[in-house]
Amino acid sequence: MAFHLQCLFLFVMTTFLTNPSHAQLTPDFYNEVCHQALPIIKSVVKNAISRERRMGASLLRLHFHDCFVNGCDGSVLLDDTPNFIGEKTAFPNMGSIRGLEVIDEIKAAVDKACKRPVVSCADILAIAARDSVSILGGSRYWFNVLLGRRDARTASKDAANSNLPAPFLTFSQLLSNFQSHGLDLKDLVALSGAHTIGFAHCSTFQSRIYNDTNIAPKFASALQGMCPKSGGDNNLVALDHATPTRFDTSYYKALLSKRGLLHSDQELFKGDGSESDALVQLYSKNPFAFARDFKASMIKMGNMKPLTGNFGEIRMNCRKVN
């Protein structure tokens, strides 16, 4: 009996040590080591958004693009080194990753307050994303972020290119991408609601406004005036034209009238009575249901393959390994 218990203990420990994603993140991780950390992060984020409302969307996007590439480990922040090409120059990130200087500002502020580097860059991304949403959307979008992530010592441009969902994907491709990360259909529809804030370059939806059929003609025509068939690739258009700097449910209302900006946005609602359609309709008229499901999906996404315990490190500079 003792032998079997010993074998079971070794199996459990081996599984835990070889798969750090089984480690538990907790909302009170910094309460003892540096209780000032979270208020300081919120203060810096609030100031950054007051300087530029668009920054909230940029900080939220950083967390998404971090988590979808080998888990929420701060790898998106790493600059290229002689040993690896980082994620910043991957196609989905190149020229569109923003807010890096705000993350640097947060890191400097929390390290100074904590008198040493105890807050990981990965956790900073998660907290800044949550604070951005609650600042732009109100208290109903506030939630306890699970914390305790550590930072990766490497990054991968190839992984970013293959793992981040592209704006031209079909519904089945989007769902497959999310499922490959342990997320489901509800997560896909709820997390896509992040597009209620922020902007997109014309190059990401040019094909849609000239070729798609599931788009409102007047909406397509208006967009064509801002995004010509050739040139203007870097022109910016709000993802949610109604309330581009307020986190709300107008994104879903736009989908109901075929006014989703990206092809991948409109794929969530086709009017065929699918489960995805039902969720879009629910969120469009029930902000409390959207807030509930968005927060649950954010927590779920934030728990994707975190480095904890002795894995990874706490970076002194979010742009490079120690």
Protein backbone atom coordinates (compact mmCIF):
# COMPACT_ATOMS: atom_id res chain seq x y z
CA MET A 1 0.00 0.00 0.00
CA ALA A 2 2.80 2.39 0.94
CA PHE A 3 4.55 1.58 -2.34
CA HIS A 4 1.41 2.39 -4.35
CA LEU A 5 0.92 5.67 -2.48
CA GLN A 6 4.54 6.59 -3.15
CA CYS A 7 4.06 5.85 -6.85
CA LEU A 8 0.90 7.96 -6.93
CA PHE A 9 2.71 10.85 -5.22
CA LEU A 10 5.57 10.67 -7.73
CA PHE A 11 3.09 10.60 -10.63
CA VAL A 12 1.22 13.66 -9.36
CA MET A 13 4.43 15.60 -8.69
CA THR A 14 5.88 14.68 -12.08
CA THR A 15 2.68 15.77 -13.84
CA PHE A 16 2.66 19.06 -11.92
CA LEU A 17 6.31 19.84 -12.55
CA THR A 18 6.18 19.02 -16.24
CA ASN A 19 2.97 20.94 -16.84
CA PRO A 20 3.03 24.30 -15.06
CA SER A 21 -0.46 25.12 -16.34
CA HIS A 22 -1.80 22.93 -13.53
CA ALA A 23 -0.51 25.43 -10.97
CA GLN A 24 -3.17 27.63 -9.44
CA LEU A 25 -3.28 31.38 -9.95
CA THR A 26 -4.88 33.39 -7.13
CA PRO A 27 -6.48 36.86 -6.94
CA ASP A 28 -4.56 37.78 -3.78
CA PHE A 29 -1.09 36.76 -4.97
CA TYR A 30 0.45 40.22 -4.30
CA ASN A 31 -1.38 41.00 -1.07
CA GLU A 32 1.59 40.04 1.09
CA VAL A 33 4.56 40.67 -1.22
CA CYS A 34 3.42 44.08 -2.48
CA HIS A 35 -0.11 45.23 -1.70
CA GLN A 36 0.44 48.53 -3.52
CA ALA A 37 0.94 46.81 -6.89
CA LEU A 38 -2.64 46.67 -8.19
CA PRO A 39 -3.63 50.26 -7.23
CA ILE A 40 -0.45 51.55 -8.87
CA ILE A 41 -1.16 49.65 -12.08
CA LYS A 42 -4.70 51.01 -12.22
CA SER A 43 -3.44 54.55 -11.67
CA VAL A 44 -0.94 54.34 -14.54
CA VAL A 45 -3.52 52.75 -16.86
CA LYS A 46 -6.09 55.42 -15.98
CA ASN A 47 -3.61 58.19 -16.74
CA ALA A 48 -2.60 56.55 -20.01
CA ILE A 49 -6.25 56.27 -21.12
CA SER A 50 -6.93 59.87 -20.11
CA ARG A 51 -4.07 60.90 -22.39
CA GLU A 52 -5.38 58.74 -25.24
CA ARG A 53 -8.70 56.86 -25.05
CA ARG A 54 -7.53 54.38 -27.67
CA MET A 55 -4.84 53.12 -25.29
CA GLY A 56 -7.35 50.99 -23.37
CA ALA A 57 -8.00 48.88 -26.46
CA SER A 58 -4.27 48.60 -27.12
CA LEU A 59 -3.56 47.30 -23.61
CA LEU A 60 -6.43 44.81 -23.83
CA ARG A 61 -5.13 43.59 -27.18
CA LEU A 62 -1.63 43.08 -25.76
CA HIS A 63 -3.04 40.63 -23.20
CA PHE A 64 -4.97 38.74 -25.89
CA HIS A 65 -1.96 38.51 -28.17
CA ASP A 66 0.21 37.39 -25.28
CA CYS A 67 -2.09 34.60 -24.13
CA PHE A 68 -2.78 33.16 -27.59
CA VAL A 69 0.93 32.48 -28.17
CA ASN A 70 2.24 29.78 -25.83
CA GLY A 71 0.09 31.02 -22.95
CA CYS A 72 -0.03 34.19 -20.84
CA ASP A 73 3.69 34.58 -20.21
CA GLY A 74 4.65 38.10 -21.30
CA SER A 75 6.41 36.76 -24.40
CA VAL A 76 4.74 39.34 -26.66
CA LEU A 77 6.78 42.07 -24.93
CA LEU A 78 10.21 40.60 -25.70
CA ASP A 79 12.45 42.27 -28.28
CA ASP A 80 14.37 40.14 -30.77
CA THR A 81 17.67 38.67 -29.56
CA PRO A 82 20.49 36.69 -31.23
CA ASN A 83 18.75 33.55 -29.90
CA PHE A 84 15.18 34.14 -31.10
CA ILE A 85 12.99 36.33 -33.27
CA GLY A 86 10.22 37.69 -31.05
CA GLU A 87 6.50 38.08 -31.65
CA LYS A 88 6.45 41.82 -32.36
CA THR A 89 7.31 41.34 -36.03
CA ALA A 90 4.80 38.53 -36.61
CA PHE A 91 2.18 39.44 -39.23
CA PRO A 92 -0.71 39.95 -36.73
CA ASN A 93 1.48 42.22 -34.56
CA MET A 94 3.73 44.09 -36.96
CA GLY A 95 2.95 47.78 -36.97
CA SER A 96 -0.06 47.31 -34.71
CA ILE A 97 1.32 46.38 -31.28
CA ARG A 98 0.84 49.44 -29.11
CA GLY A 99 1.06 50.39 -25.44
CA LEU A 100 4.54 49.01 -24.83
CA GLU A 101 5.67 52.28 -23.30
CA VAL A 102 2.72 52.16 -20.88
CA ILE A 103 3.76 48.65 -19.78
CA ASP A 104 7.28 50.00 -19.23
CA GLU A 105 5.82 52.85 -17.18
CA ILE A 106 3.79 50.42 -15.07
CA LYS A 107 6.77 48.14 -14.53
CA ALA A 108 8.98 51.00 -13.35
CA ALA A 109 6.26 52.29 -10.99
CA VAL A 110 5.48 48.93 -9.35
CA ASP A 111 9.14 47.94 -9.00
CA LYS A 112 9.84 51.26 -7.30
CA ALA A 113 6.91 50.87 -4.92
CA CYS A 114 7.68 47.22 -4.18
CA LYS A 115 11.41 48.07 -3.86
CA ARG A 116 12.29 45.11 -6.09
CA PRO A 117 10.94 43.31 -9.18
CA VAL A 118 8.18 41.09 -7.76
CA VAL A 119 5.36 41.74 -10.24
CA SER A 120 5.70 39.85 -13.51
CA CYS A 121 5.20 41.47 -16.89
CA ALA A 122 2.63 38.77 -17.70
CA ASP A 123 0.58 39.76 -14.65
CA ILE A 124 0.93 43.43 -15.54
CA LEU A 125 -0.62 42.67 -18.95
CA ALA A 126 -3.52 40.82 -17.33
CA ILE A 127 -4.21 43.56 -14.77
CA ALA A 128 -3.86 46.38 -17.30
CA ALA A 129 -6.35 44.61 -19.59
CA ARG A 130 -8.90 44.27 -16.79
CA ASP A 131 -8.41 47.88 -15.67
CA SER A 132 -8.78 49.15 -19.24
CA VAL A 133 -12.11 47.36 -19.63
CA SER A 134 -13.50 48.58 -16.30
CA ILE A 135 -12.30 52.16 -16.88
CA LEU A 136 -13.95 52.28 -20.33
CA GLY A 137 -17.01 50.21 -19.46
CA GLY A 138 -17.75 50.78 -15.81
CA SER A 139 -17.89 48.69 -12.67
CA ARG A 140 -19.95 45.87 -14.18
CA TYR A 141 -16.85 44.85 -16.18
CA TRP A 142 -14.54 44.74 -13.16
CA PHE A 143 -13.39 41.29 -12.03
CA ASN A 144 -10.74 39.71 -9.84
CA VAL A 145 -7.74 38.89 -12.01
CA LEU A 146 -6.06 35.62 -11.12
CA LEU A 147 -2.36 36.31 -10.54
CA GLY A 148 0.96 34.61 -9.99
CA ARG A 149 2.22 34.26 -13.57
CA ARG A 150 5.92 34.37 -14.30
CA ASP A 151 7.61 35.62 -17.45
CA ALA A 152 8.88 33.56 -20.36
CA ARG A 153 12.55 33.60 -21.29
CA THR A 154 11.85 33.20 -24.99
CA ALA A 155 9.37 34.16 -27.71
CA SER A 156 8.45 32.85 -31.15
CA LYS A 157 7.51 34.77 -34.27
CA ASP A 158 6.41 31.53 -35.95
CA ALA A 159 4.12 30.66 -33.03
CA ALA A 160 2.54 34.11 -33.20
CA ASN A 161 1.94 33.76 -36.93
CA SER A 162 0.29 30.37 -36.53
CA ASN A 163 -1.67 30.89 -33.29
CA LEU A 164 -3.21 34.36 -33.49
CA PRO A 165 -6.60 34.35 -35.25
CA ALA A 166 -6.60 36.36 -38.48
CA PRO A 167 -9.34 38.86 -39.40
CA PHE A 168 -10.27 36.93 -42.56
CA LEU A 169 -10.99 33.55 -40.91
CA THR A 170 -14.29 31.75 -41.36
CA PHE A 171 -16.45 30.84 -38.38
CA SER A 172 -15.27 27.22 -38.36
CA GLN A 173 -11.64 28.37 -38.52
CA LEU A 174 -12.19 30.82 -35.66
CA LEU A 175 -13.85 28.17 -33.50
CA SER A 176 -11.09 25.68 -34.28
CA ASN A 177 -8.47 28.27 -33.31
CA PHE A 178 -10.17 29.00 -29.98
CA GLN A 179 -10.71 25.31 -29.25
CA SER A 180 -7.01 24.66 -29.82
CA HIS A 181 -6.40 26.99 -26.87
CA GLY A 182 -8.94 25.27 -24.63
CA LEU A 183 -11.64 27.87 -25.26
CA ASP A 184 -15.16 27.17 -26.54
CA LEU A 185 -17.86 28.81 -28.66
CA LYS A 186 -19.14 31.01 -25.84
CA ASP A 187 -15.58 32.20 -25.18
CA LEU A 188 -15.19 33.02 -28.88
CA VAL A 189 -18.34 35.13 -29.04
CA ALA A 190 -17.83 36.77 -25.64
CA LEU A 191 -14.15 37.62 -26.11
CA SER A 192 -14.81 38.97 -29.61
CA GLY A 193 -16.80 41.64 -27.79
CA ALA A 194 -13.44 43.24 -27.03
CA HIS A 195 -13.86 44.74 -30.50
CA THR A 196 -16.33 47.16 -29.00
CA ILE A 197 -13.26 49.37 -28.48
CA GLY A 198 -10.25 50.06 -30.66
CA PHE A 199 -9.40 50.59 -34.31
CA ALA A 200 -8.27 48.51 -37.26
CA HIS A 201 -6.10 49.27 -40.26
CA CYS A 202 -7.83 49.25 -43.64
CA SER A 203 -5.62 46.37 -44.74
CA THR A 204 -7.38 44.07 -42.24
CA PHE A 205 -10.87 44.52 -43.75
CA GLN A 206 -10.24 45.83 -47.29
CA SER A 207 -11.34 42.59 -48.91
CA ARG A 208 -14.55 42.50 -46.88
CA ILE A 209 -15.85 45.92 -47.91
CA TYR A 210 -15.30 45.20 -51.62
CA ASN A 211 -16.05 41.47 -51.84
CA ASP A 212 -18.24 40.23 -48.96
CA THR A 213 -21.99 39.87 -49.45
CA ASN A 214 -22.97 39.77 -45.75
CA ILE A 215 -22.33 43.48 -45.27
CA ALA A 216 -24.81 46.37 -45.27
CA PRO A 217 -24.37 48.21 -48.63
CA LYS A 218 -24.38 51.73 -47.14
CA PHE A 219 -21.87 50.62 -44.48
CA ALA A 220 -19.58 49.13 -47.14
CA SER A 221 -19.88 52.27 -49.27
CA ALA A 222 -18.96 54.54 -46.37
CA LEU A 223 -15.94 52.40 -45.55
CA GLN A 224 -14.83 52.38 -49.19
CA GLY A 225 -14.58 56.16 -48.93
CA MET A 226 -12.04 55.74 -46.14
CA CYS A 227 -10.28 52.68 -47.54
CA PRO A 228 -9.69 52.75 -51.31
CA LYS A 229 -8.98 49.56 -53.24
CA SER A 230 -5.33 50.51 -53.46
CA GLY A 231 -3.40 52.60 -50.98
CA GLY A 232 -4.50 53.72 -47.56
CA ASP A 233 -3.64 50.36 -45.97
CA ASN A 234 -2.69 52.01 -42.68
CA ASN A 235 -5.75 54.25 -42.42
CA LEU A 236 -7.58 53.61 -39.14
CA VAL A 237 -11.27 52.86 -38.71
CA ALA A 238 -13.13 52.18 -35.46
CA LEU A 239 -14.00 48.52 -34.90
CA ASP A 240 -17.25 49.71 -33.33
CA HIS A 241 -18.29 52.85 -35.17
CA ALA A 242 -21.07 53.70 -32.69
CA THR A 243 -19.06 53.93 -29.46
CA PRO A 244 -15.39 53.29 -30.32
CA THR A 245 -14.00 54.32 -26.93
CA ARG A 246 -16.70 52.89 -24.67
CA PHE A 247 -16.78 49.25 -23.62
CA ASP A 248 -20.39 48.22 -24.18
CA THR A 249 -22.61 45.96 -26.32
CA SER A 250 -22.95 48.07 -29.48
CA TYR A 251 -20.48 45.74 -31.24
CA TYR A 252 -23.12 42.99 -31.15
CA LYS A 253 -25.89 45.34 -32.29
CA ALA A 254 -23.78 46.17 -35.33
CA LEU A 255 -23.43 42.48 -36.21
CA LEU A 256 -27.24 42.12 -36.27
CA SER A 257 -27.39 44.71 -39.06
CA LYS A 258 -24.39 43.31 -41.00
CA ARG A 259 -22.11 46.14 -39.90
CA GLY A 260 -19.28 44.11 -38.43
CA LEU A 261 -16.02 45.71 -39.55
CA LEU A 262 -13.88 42.58 -39.88
CA HIS A 263 -14.88 39.51 -41.83
CA SER A 264 -14.20 37.48 -38.68
CA ASP A 265 -16.56 39.74 -36.70
CA GLN A 266 -19.52 39.21 -39.02
CA GLU A 267 -18.87 35.46 -39.11
CA LEU A 268 -20.29 35.35 -35.57
CA PHE A 269 -23.74 36.31 -36.86
CA LYS A 270 -25.15 34.94 -40.09
CA GLY A 271 -28.85 34.88 -39.25
CA ASP A 272 -29.07 31.10 -39.55
CA GLY A 273 -30.28 30.44 -36.01
CA SER A 274 -26.98 28.99 -34.84
CA GLU A 275 -25.74 28.98 -31.25
CA SER A 276 -23.39 31.79 -32.19
CA ASP A 277 -26.32 33.82 -33.54
CA ALA A 278 -28.20 33.29 -30.29
CA LEU A 279 -25.29 34.55 -28.21
CA VAL A 280 -24.86 37.65 -30.38
CA GLN A 281 -28.58 38.39 -30.01
CA LEU A 282 -28.40 37.84 -26.24
CA TYR A 283 -25.40 40.12 -25.74
CA SER A 284 -26.86 42.82 -28.00
CA LYS A 285 -29.84 43.27 -25.71
CA ASN A 286 -28.53 42.11 -22.33
CA PRO A 287 -25.39 43.96 -21.16
CA PHE A 288 -25.41 42.03 -17.88
CA ALA A 289 -25.20 38.68 -19.70
CA PHE A 290 -22.35 40.00 -21.83
CA ALA A 291 -20.46 41.36 -18.81
CA ARG A 292 -20.90 38.04 -16.97
CA ASP A 293 -19.69 35.91 -19.87
CA PHE A 294 -16.92 38.29 -20.95
CA LYS A 295 -15.43 38.32 -17.45
CA ALA A 296 -15.64 34.53 -17.17
CA SER A 297 -13.94 34.11 -20.54
CA MET A 298 -11.23 36.64 -19.66
CA ILE A 299 -10.41 34.67 -16.52
CA LYS A 300 -10.39 31.44 -18.52
CA MET A 301 -8.13 32.92 -21.20
CA GLY A 302 -5.83 34.39 -18.57
CA ASN A 303 -5.31 30.92 -17.14
CA MET A 304 -3.95 29.50 -20.40
CA LYS A 305 -0.63 27.76 -19.69
CA PRO A 306 0.76 30.24 -17.13
CA LEU A 307 4.32 29.84 -15.93
CA THR A 308 4.32 29.55 -12.15
CA GLY A 309 6.53 28.35 -9.30
CA ASN A 310 10.09 27.92 -10.53
CA PHE A 311 9.20 28.20 -14.21
CA GLY A 312 10.18 31.37 -16.06
CA GLU A 313 11.32 34.48 -14.20
CA ILE A 314 10.26 37.91 -12.99
CA ARG A 315 11.78 40.23 -15.57
CA MET A 316 13.48 43.41 -14.52
CA ASN A 317 12.79 44.85 -17.97
CA CYS A 318 9.67 43.64 -19.76
CA ARG A 319 11.40 43.92 -23.14
CA LYS A 320 14.26 41.54 -22.39
CA VAL A 321 15.11 38.48 -20.31
CA ASN A 322 17.17 38.94 -17.16
